[in-house]
Amino acid sequence: MLDRRRRWLPGVSGRAWPLYGAAFATGLSLSTAWSAMPFILIAMGGTKAHVGDAPTVNILAYMAALLVTGSRLGHLDAKRATRAATVAAMLATALMTLAVFGATTHSSAGQRTWLWLIIAAGGLSGAAMALFWPFLMSWVSGSYEGLELNRRLGRYNGSWSSGGVAGPLVGAWLVEKGPLWPMLAAVLCFGVAFLLLSLARRDAVQPRGSGPANGAPDIPCDPRMLADFRWLSRIALFCAWASFAIARSQFALLFTSLGFSKSQFGVYLMTVALCNFLTLIAAGRWAFWHFRAGLLMGAQGMVLTVLLMVIFGRTLGVLYLSAVVLGVAFGFAYSSHLFYGAAASRKRSVRMVIHEIVISLGVTAGSWPSGHLAQHVGPYAPYWFAVALVGLGILGQICIHIVSLARAETRGRAPAAAGMEITE
């Protein structure tokens, strides 16, 4: 009975629940603040360009800090790093709250100053997260490999993404009450995350009787095949985040311009997050999708379909359906890259940094051009830009996979079976 309980509740027996709780609280904080951010910036007197600039500065600061983290700070203790990151992010979010308060109470003076203060503080928050997500992912995954690694990552993904399910709805509801409330809620969530990290043990998820994290991995697959799928999933993750960045920023303004409310846009983002959450949970539970190139390319096709639905759709039903498709494709791309990156890796924290850098590049490619395209070209220009980006991504995936198969045949090695799984 005890063994069965540990199988279904492994995080409880290893005191991993504070880590999953911290991931949830942080995901809730970020999704609440950034889902409401387009409406907050407009309420402060900002433009569509500011709406695109804010997430761009946030993610560029995050990416720059990731480069330092990966090259200089990989030796840090995970508990200290994540707690320090949470405190820094909480202070930065408090500064963003101060900027919103200043802009809304002193609207006649220093409008641009308040706008750039919130954008700069968002950059500080992004830089702080470079010490949070890679170290938390490395802490959660421990020394696990194969199917158990897949399940660990599935629980972790379910934790942060469940925060993302509630965040958009909470953010949209609070911003209708006033632009200050989403930011106050974000500060509170960071405080909860810090308390949960303080409860976690440094050895919370280390498997009993396993070898060291830097030991020889037990992954029975061709290393070239793993490299192939890492690049396929990398392209899928980049395109998915670029498209989601546009949906979270510019689409908020287009959505309301079609006559729908901010709360309905919150439901849209919540639908994306819910489908993402369910996909992450399913991907962590089952492994039939391992090493299936067609599924990764299919996820790209789903993202392309979503963009066309947004461009040509005018009814709430079509737009909500696009949210379902985007959430599924987004979740699959995220799970795939996280798994292929962590599998057989001796320096897992470095792989987590690469994972986050790909996300950062995708958000930058989606947020910054879309804001200026919407401002100077037209409201639908960002989505045509994303169509071209995803189309190039699909062509890149096809070329990489064809070259990989050709090399395998040239060297006399048959390609791995389509349904091959990584086993423990």
Protein backbone atom coordinates (compact mmCIF):
# COMPACT_ATOMS: atom_id res chain seq x y z
CA MET A 1 0.00 0.00 0.00
CA LEU A 2 2.83 2.40 0.87
CA ASP A 3 4.61 1.66 -2.42
CA ARG A 4 1.39 2.36 -4.32
CA ARG A 5 0.93 5.64 -2.47
CA ARG A 6 4.48 6.69 -3.29
CA ARG A 7 3.95 5.83 -6.93
CA TRP A 8 0.93 8.12 -7.21
CA LEU A 9 2.19 10.79 -4.78
CA PRO A 10 5.97 10.78 -5.25
CA GLY A 11 6.30 14.49 -4.59
CA VAL A 12 4.74 14.07 -1.14
CA SER A 13 7.10 11.32 -0.03
CA GLY A 14 10.10 13.33 -1.24
CA ARG A 15 8.79 16.67 0.06
CA ALA A 16 8.73 17.96 -3.53
CA TRP A 17 5.33 19.61 -3.12
CA PRO A 18 6.83 23.00 -2.10
CA LEU A 19 8.73 23.08 -5.41
CA TYR A 20 5.58 22.38 -7.40
CA GLY A 21 3.72 24.93 -5.28
CA ALA A 22 6.39 27.58 -5.92
CA ALA A 23 6.17 26.90 -9.66
CA PHE A 24 2.37 27.34 -9.46
CA ALA A 25 2.58 30.60 -7.47
CA THR A 26 5.21 32.07 -9.79
CA GLY A 27 3.28 31.06 -12.89
CA LEU A 28 0.16 32.64 -11.40
CA SER A 29 2.03 35.86 -10.60
CA LEU A 30 3.56 36.24 -14.06
CA SER A 31 0.43 35.32 -15.99
CA THR A 32 -1.74 37.65 -13.89
CA ALA A 33 0.57 40.63 -14.42
CA TRP A 34 1.45 40.09 -18.08
CA SER A 35 -2.06 39.15 -19.21
CA ALA A 36 -3.27 42.48 -17.84
CA MET A 37 -0.21 44.44 -19.03
CA PRO A 38 -1.59 45.59 -22.44
CA PHE A 39 -4.61 47.13 -20.73
CA ILE A 40 -2.46 48.59 -17.95
CA LEU A 41 -0.14 50.31 -20.42
CA ILE A 42 -3.03 51.74 -22.43
CA ALA A 43 -4.63 53.00 -19.19
CA MET A 44 -1.30 54.73 -18.40
CA GLY A 45 -1.43 56.53 -21.76
CA GLY A 46 0.82 54.13 -23.67
CA THR A 47 0.63 53.14 -27.35
CA LYS A 48 0.59 49.83 -29.22
CA ALA A 49 4.36 50.17 -29.55
CA HIS A 50 4.68 50.34 -25.75
CA VAL A 51 2.52 47.22 -25.51
CA GLY A 52 5.07 45.43 -27.69
CA ASP A 53 8.11 47.01 -26.04
CA ALA A 54 7.24 45.94 -22.48
CA PRO A 55 7.44 42.13 -22.99
CA THR A 56 10.41 42.62 -25.32
CA VAL A 57 12.46 44.42 -22.65
CA ASN A 58 11.37 41.82 -20.10
CA ILE A 59 12.47 38.89 -22.21
CA LEU A 60 15.70 40.51 -23.49
CA ALA A 61 16.76 41.15 -19.90
CA TYR A 62 15.83 37.56 -19.08
CA MET A 63 17.86 36.24 -22.01
CA ALA A 64 20.91 38.36 -21.17
CA ALA A 65 20.78 37.17 -17.57
CA LEU A 66 20.42 33.56 -18.77
CA LEU A 67 23.71 33.85 -20.65
CA VAL A 68 25.42 34.92 -17.43
CA THR A 69 23.63 32.18 -15.47
CA GLY A 70 24.63 29.45 -17.89
CA SER A 71 28.27 30.48 -18.19
CA ARG A 72 29.09 31.80 -14.69
CA LEU A 73 26.50 30.79 -12.12
CA GLY A 74 25.75 27.14 -12.82
CA HIS A 75 27.50 26.14 -9.58
CA LEU A 76 25.03 27.99 -7.33
CA ASP A 77 22.87 26.14 -4.82
CA ALA A 78 19.37 25.78 -6.28
CA LYS A 79 17.55 26.75 -3.10
CA ARG A 80 19.55 29.94 -2.57
CA ALA A 81 19.33 30.89 -6.24
CA THR A 82 15.57 30.45 -6.52
CA ARG A 83 14.85 32.28 -3.26
CA ALA A 84 17.10 35.21 -4.24
CA ALA A 85 15.40 35.34 -7.64
CA THR A 86 11.95 35.40 -6.04
CA VAL A 87 12.86 38.29 -3.74
CA ALA A 88 14.34 40.27 -6.65
CA ALA A 89 11.29 39.63 -8.84
CA MET A 90 8.96 40.62 -6.01
CA LEU A 91 10.80 43.93 -5.52
CA ALA A 92 10.78 44.61 -9.27
CA THR A 93 7.04 43.92 -9.43
CA ALA A 94 6.51 46.25 -6.48
CA LEU A 95 8.36 48.94 -8.47
CA MET A 96 6.03 48.26 -11.43
CA THR A 97 3.10 48.69 -9.05
CA LEU A 98 4.53 52.04 -7.95
CA ALA A 99 4.79 53.13 -11.60
CA VAL A 100 1.14 52.24 -12.22
CA PHE A 101 0.11 54.13 -9.10
CA GLY A 102 2.12 57.17 -10.12
CA ALA A 103 0.73 57.22 -13.65
CA THR A 104 -2.88 56.85 -12.55
CA THR A 105 -2.71 59.46 -9.77
CA HIS A 106 -0.47 61.99 -11.56
CA SER A 107 -1.68 61.58 -15.13
CA SER A 108 -0.87 65.15 -16.09
CA ALA A 109 2.83 64.95 -15.29
CA GLY A 110 5.62 62.63 -16.36
CA GLN A 111 3.50 60.20 -18.35
CA ARG A 112 6.41 58.87 -20.40
CA THR A 113 8.53 58.57 -17.25
CA TRP A 114 5.99 56.29 -15.58
CA LEU A 115 5.62 54.22 -18.76
CA TRP A 116 9.34 53.62 -19.09
CA LEU A 117 9.66 52.97 -15.38
CA ILE A 118 7.20 50.08 -15.59
CA ILE A 119 8.95 48.78 -18.72
CA ALA A 120 12.38 49.00 -17.04
CA ALA A 121 11.08 47.35 -13.87
CA GLY A 122 9.65 44.59 -16.04
CA GLY A 123 13.17 44.09 -17.38
CA LEU A 124 14.51 43.73 -13.83
CA SER A 125 11.83 41.14 -13.12
CA GLY A 126 12.81 39.23 -16.25
CA ALA A 127 16.50 39.25 -15.30
CA ALA A 128 15.62 37.89 -11.85
CA MET A 129 13.75 34.95 -13.37
CA ALA A 130 16.99 33.74 -14.97
CA LEU A 131 17.99 32.54 -11.51
CA PHE A 132 14.61 30.94 -10.95
CA TRP A 133 13.32 28.73 -13.78
CA PRO A 134 16.56 26.93 -14.83
CA PHE A 135 17.52 26.14 -11.24
CA LEU A 136 13.99 25.09 -10.29
CA MET A 137 13.78 22.75 -13.31
CA SER A 138 17.16 21.28 -12.48
CA TRP A 139 16.11 20.88 -8.82
CA VAL A 140 12.89 19.10 -9.76
CA SER A 141 14.41 16.74 -12.33
CA GLY A 142 17.23 15.65 -10.00
CA SER A 143 19.06 12.57 -11.27
CA TYR A 144 16.12 11.00 -13.07
CA GLU A 145 16.18 9.67 -16.62
CA GLY A 146 13.80 8.03 -19.07
CA LEU A 147 10.12 7.60 -18.27
CA GLU A 148 10.53 8.77 -14.67
CA LEU A 149 12.19 11.97 -15.92
CA ASN A 150 9.24 12.42 -18.28
CA ARG A 151 6.81 12.08 -15.35
CA ARG A 152 8.79 14.47 -13.13
CA LEU A 153 8.81 17.09 -15.83
CA GLY A 154 5.12 16.45 -16.41
CA ARG A 155 4.31 17.26 -12.77
CA TYR A 156 6.49 20.35 -12.90
CA ASN A 157 4.91 21.51 -16.15
CA GLY A 158 1.47 20.90 -14.70
CA SER A 159 2.36 23.05 -11.70
CA TRP A 160 3.49 26.21 -13.47
CA SER A 161 0.93 25.88 -16.25
CA SER A 162 -1.96 25.51 -13.81
CA GLY A 163 -0.94 28.92 -12.48
CA GLY A 164 -1.11 30.09 -16.07
CA VAL A 165 -4.68 28.79 -16.33
CA ALA A 166 -5.98 30.98 -13.51
CA GLY A 167 -3.71 33.99 -14.11
CA PRO A 168 -5.29 35.39 -17.31
CA LEU A 169 -8.80 35.25 -15.89
CA VAL A 170 -7.67 36.80 -12.59
CA GLY A 171 -5.66 39.47 -14.41
CA ALA A 172 -8.52 40.40 -16.75
CA TRP A 173 -11.02 40.53 -13.88
CA LEU A 174 -8.74 42.65 -11.69
CA VAL A 175 -7.76 45.08 -14.45
CA GLU A 176 -11.44 45.86 -14.99
CA LYS A 177 -11.53 46.92 -11.32
CA GLY A 178 -8.45 49.07 -11.82
CA PRO A 179 -4.94 48.83 -13.35
CA LEU A 180 -3.27 48.66 -9.93
CA TRP A 181 -4.93 45.46 -8.71
CA PRO A 182 -3.25 42.90 -11.02
CA MET A 183 0.18 44.17 -9.98
CA LEU A 184 -0.64 43.95 -6.27
CA ALA A 185 -1.84 40.37 -6.79
CA ALA A 186 1.43 39.54 -8.59
CA VAL A 187 3.49 40.84 -5.66
CA LEU A 188 1.45 38.71 -3.24
CA CYS A 189 1.98 35.56 -5.34
CA PHE A 190 5.75 36.08 -5.34
CA GLY A 191 5.60 36.27 -1.55
CA VAL A 192 3.80 32.92 -1.42
CA ALA A 193 6.40 31.39 -3.76
CA PHE A 194 9.22 32.54 -1.47
CA LEU A 195 7.57 30.92 1.57
CA LEU A 196 7.13 27.63 -0.30
CA LEU A 197 10.76 27.59 -1.44
CA SER A 198 11.80 28.13 2.17
CA LEU A 199 9.95 24.92 3.10
CA ALA A 200 11.61 22.82 0.38
CA ARG A 201 14.58 20.56 1.12
CA ARG A 202 17.66 20.67 -1.05
CA ASP A 203 17.38 16.91 -1.69
CA ALA A 204 13.60 17.09 -2.21
CA VAL A 205 13.44 15.05 -5.41
CA GLN A 206 16.63 13.00 -5.47
CA PRO A 207 15.86 9.37 -6.32
CA ARG A 208 16.91 6.87 -3.70
CA GLY A 209 19.62 4.52 -4.80
CA SER A 210 20.29 6.35 -8.06
CA GLY A 211 23.64 7.41 -9.39
CA PRO A 212 24.90 10.97 -9.32
CA ALA A 213 23.30 13.54 -11.58
CA ASN A 214 26.52 13.80 -13.58
CA GLY A 215 26.93 10.08 -14.02
CA ALA A 216 26.65 8.17 -17.26
CA PRO A 217 23.11 8.41 -18.63
CA ASP A 218 21.16 5.29 -19.45
CA ILE A 219 19.48 6.31 -22.72
CA PRO A 220 19.48 3.56 -25.38
CA CYS A 221 19.25 5.74 -28.49
CA ASP A 222 21.53 7.08 -31.22
CA PRO A 223 23.01 10.41 -30.04
CA ARG A 224 22.56 11.82 -33.56
CA MET A 225 18.89 10.94 -33.42
CA LEU A 226 18.54 12.77 -30.11
CA ALA A 227 20.32 15.81 -31.59
CA ASP A 228 17.90 15.75 -34.54
CA PHE A 229 14.86 15.84 -32.25
CA ARG A 230 16.40 18.53 -30.09
CA TRP A 231 16.58 20.81 -33.13
CA LEU A 232 13.10 19.89 -34.36
CA SER A 233 11.63 20.66 -30.95
CA ARG A 234 13.74 23.81 -30.66
CA ILE A 235 12.19 25.25 -33.82
CA ALA A 236 8.70 24.24 -32.68
CA LEU A 237 9.22 25.88 -29.27
CA PHE A 238 10.56 29.09 -30.83
CA CYS A 239 7.62 29.44 -33.22
CA ALA A 240 5.05 28.54 -30.55
CA TRP A 241 6.35 31.19 -28.14
CA ALA A 242 6.61 33.82 -30.89
CA SER A 243 2.95 33.23 -31.77
CA PHE A 244 1.87 33.16 -28.13
CA ALA A 245 3.74 36.42 -27.45
CA ILE A 246 1.68 38.10 -30.17
CA ALA A 247 -1.53 36.60 -28.77
CA ARG A 248 -0.73 37.82 -25.25
CA SER A 249 0.14 41.37 -26.30
CA GLN A 250 -1.24 42.69 -29.59
CA PHE A 251 -4.20 40.33 -29.83
CA ALA A 252 -5.54 41.79 -26.58
CA LEU A 253 -6.09 45.10 -28.38
CA LEU A 254 -7.45 43.53 -31.58
CA PHE A 255 -9.80 41.33 -29.58
CA THR A 256 -11.39 44.25 -27.75
CA SER A 257 -11.54 46.32 -30.97
CA LEU A 258 -13.83 43.61 -32.41
CA GLY A 259 -16.35 44.45 -29.70
CA PHE A 260 -15.46 41.84 -27.10
CA SER A 261 -14.69 42.63 -23.46
CA LYS A 262 -11.50 42.38 -21.44
CA SER A 263 -13.03 39.57 -19.40
CA GLN A 264 -13.73 37.63 -22.59
CA PHE A 265 -10.10 38.08 -23.57
CA GLY A 266 -9.19 36.73 -20.14
CA VAL A 267 -11.30 33.66 -20.96
CA TYR A 268 -9.42 33.37 -24.28
CA LEU A 269 -6.03 33.30 -22.55
CA MET A 270 -7.38 31.02 -19.85
CA THR A 271 -8.52 28.60 -22.58
CA VAL A 272 -5.03 28.62 -24.09
CA ALA A 273 -3.53 28.00 -20.65
CA LEU A 274 -6.01 25.24 -19.78
CA CYS A 275 -5.35 23.32 -23.00
CA ASN A 276 -1.62 23.86 -22.49
CA PHE A 277 -1.96 22.50 -18.94
CA LEU A 278 -3.86 19.39 -20.07
CA THR A 279 -1.35 18.73 -22.86
CA LEU A 280 1.61 19.07 -20.50
CA ILE A 281 -0.01 16.65 -18.04
CA ALA A 282 -0.78 14.12 -20.79
CA ALA A 283 2.72 14.40 -22.28
CA GLY A 284 4.21 13.77 -18.85
CA ARG A 285 1.98 10.75 -18.26
CA TRP A 286 2.39 8.95 -21.60
CA ALA A 287 5.46 8.50 -23.78
CA PHE A 288 4.01 7.33 -27.11
CA TRP A 289 5.04 10.67 -28.65
CA HIS A 290 8.78 10.19 -28.06
CA PHE A 291 10.84 10.38 -31.27
CA ARG A 292 7.90 10.99 -33.62
CA ALA A 293 8.98 13.74 -36.00
CA GLY A 294 5.55 13.97 -37.61
CA LEU A 295 3.99 15.11 -34.34
CA LEU A 296 6.44 17.98 -33.95
CA MET A 297 5.79 19.15 -37.51
CA GLY A 298 2.08 18.67 -36.91
CA ALA A 299 2.29 21.01 -33.91
CA GLN A 300 3.78 23.63 -36.23
CA GLY A 301 0.88 23.13 -38.62
CA MET A 302 -1.55 23.67 -35.75
CA VAL A 303 0.11 26.99 -34.87
CA LEU A 304 -0.17 28.05 -38.52
CA THR A 305 -3.87 27.14 -38.48
CA VAL A 306 -4.39 29.25 -35.35
CA LEU A 307 -2.86 32.32 -37.01
CA LEU A 308 -5.14 31.97 -40.04
CA MET A 309 -8.16 31.56 -37.75
CA VAL A 310 -7.23 34.80 -35.97
CA ILE A 311 -6.76 36.65 -39.27
CA PHE A 312 -10.02 35.53 -40.89
CA GLY A 313 -12.15 34.78 -37.82
CA ARG A 314 -14.56 37.40 -36.55
CA THR A 315 -16.82 35.44 -34.21
CA LEU A 316 -16.16 34.56 -30.60
CA GLY A 317 -16.62 30.85 -31.28
CA VAL A 318 -13.88 30.76 -33.94
CA LEU A 319 -11.48 32.74 -31.77
CA TYR A 320 -12.09 30.49 -28.76
CA LEU A 321 -11.52 27.44 -30.97
CA SER A 322 -8.19 28.94 -32.03
CA ALA A 323 -7.31 29.21 -28.33
CA VAL A 324 -7.88 25.45 -27.91
CA VAL A 325 -5.65 24.60 -30.89
CA LEU A 326 -2.93 27.03 -29.77
CA GLY A 327 -2.90 25.62 -26.23
CA VAL A 328 -2.46 22.03 -27.43
CA ALA A 329 0.30 22.91 -29.91
CA PHE A 330 2.04 25.16 -27.40
CA GLY A 331 2.01 22.50 -24.67
CA PHE A 332 3.33 19.78 -26.96
CA ALA A 333 6.19 21.95 -28.24
CA TYR A 334 7.13 22.89 -24.67
CA SER A 335 7.08 19.30 -23.38
CA SER A 336 9.04 18.02 -26.35
CA HIS A 337 11.89 20.48 -26.05
CA LEU A 338 12.12 20.11 -22.29
CA PHE A 339 12.28 16.31 -22.51
CA TYR A 340 14.70 16.03 -25.44
CA GLY A 341 16.93 18.69 -23.89
CA ALA A 342 17.10 17.04 -20.47
CA ALA A 343 17.44 13.46 -21.71
CA ALA A 344 20.98 12.03 -21.51
CA SER A 345 22.36 15.39 -20.36
CA ARG A 346 25.29 15.45 -17.94
CA LYS A 347 24.86 19.18 -17.19
CA ARG A 348 21.12 19.49 -16.87
CA SER A 349 21.11 23.07 -15.55
CA VAL A 350 22.87 24.19 -18.75
CA ARG A 351 20.21 22.43 -20.83
CA MET A 352 17.53 24.25 -18.86
CA VAL A 353 19.25 27.55 -19.67
CA ILE A 354 19.20 26.68 -23.39
CA HIS A 355 15.50 25.83 -23.06
CA GLU A 356 14.78 29.23 -21.56
CA ILE A 357 16.93 31.07 -24.13
CA VAL A 358 14.90 29.52 -26.96
CA ILE A 359 11.73 30.74 -25.24
CA SER A 360 13.25 34.20 -24.84
CA LEU A 361 14.19 34.40 -28.51
CA GLY A 362 10.66 33.35 -29.48
CA VAL A 363 9.03 35.97 -27.26
CA THR A 364 11.38 38.66 -28.60
CA ALA A 365 10.67 37.67 -32.20
CA GLY A 366 6.95 37.88 -31.51
CA SER A 367 6.62 40.89 -29.19
CA TRP A 368 8.89 43.60 -30.55
CA PRO A 369 8.14 43.42 -34.32
CA SER A 370 4.42 42.89 -33.70
CA GLY A 371 4.09 46.06 -31.65
CA HIS A 372 5.67 48.24 -34.32
CA LEU A 373 3.90 46.44 -37.19
CA ALA A 374 0.54 47.02 -35.49
CA GLN A 375 1.42 50.67 -34.85
CA HIS A 376 2.74 51.55 -38.32
CA VAL A 377 1.30 48.96 -40.77
CA GLY A 378 -2.02 47.67 -39.51
CA PRO A 379 -3.74 45.58 -36.82
CA TYR A 380 -3.40 42.32 -38.76
CA ALA A 381 0.23 42.79 -39.85
CA PRO A 382 1.66 40.97 -36.77
CA TYR A 383 -0.26 37.80 -37.63
CA TRP A 384 0.91 37.73 -41.25
CA PHE A 385 4.44 38.20 -39.94
CA ALA A 386 3.90 35.19 -37.65
CA VAL A 387 2.53 33.14 -40.57
CA ALA A 388 5.79 33.74 -42.47
CA LEU A 389 7.85 32.90 -39.36
CA VAL A 390 6.04 29.61 -38.70
CA GLY A 391 6.14 28.68 -42.39
CA LEU A 392 9.92 29.10 -42.42
CA GLY A 393 10.08 27.03 -39.23
CA ILE A 394 8.24 24.14 -40.87
CA LEU A 395 10.60 24.24 -43.86
CA GLY A 396 13.57 24.25 -41.48
CA GLN A 397 12.23 21.21 -39.61
CA ILE A 398 11.74 19.29 -42.85
CA CYS A 399 15.27 20.09 -44.05
CA ILE A 400 16.88 19.13 -40.73
CA HIS A 401 15.02 15.83 -40.54
CA ILE A 402 15.80 14.90 -44.15
CA VAL A 403 19.51 15.61 -43.61
CA SER A 404 19.47 13.57 -40.39
CA LEU A 405 17.88 10.57 -42.10
CA ALA A 406 20.32 10.83 -45.03
CA ARG A 407 23.30 10.82 -42.68
CA ALA A 408 21.96 7.80 -40.84
CA GLU A 409 21.61 5.88 -44.12
CA THR A 410 25.05 6.99 -45.33
CA ARG A 411 26.72 5.68 -42.19
CA GLY A 412 24.90 2.40 -42.44
CA ARG A 413 22.63 3.05 -39.46
CA ALA A 414 18.92 2.65 -39.95
CA PRO A 415 16.81 5.45 -38.45
CA ALA A 416 15.28 4.67 -35.11
CA ALA A 417 11.75 3.30 -35.09
CA ALA A 418 9.04 5.96 -35.16
CA GLY A 419 7.55 4.83 -31.87
CA MET A 420 10.81 4.39 -29.98
CA GLU A 421 10.68 5.40 -26.32
CA ILE A 422 13.40 6.35 -23.89
CA THR A 423 13.28 3.76 -21.13
CA GLU A 424 14.77 3.75 -17.69
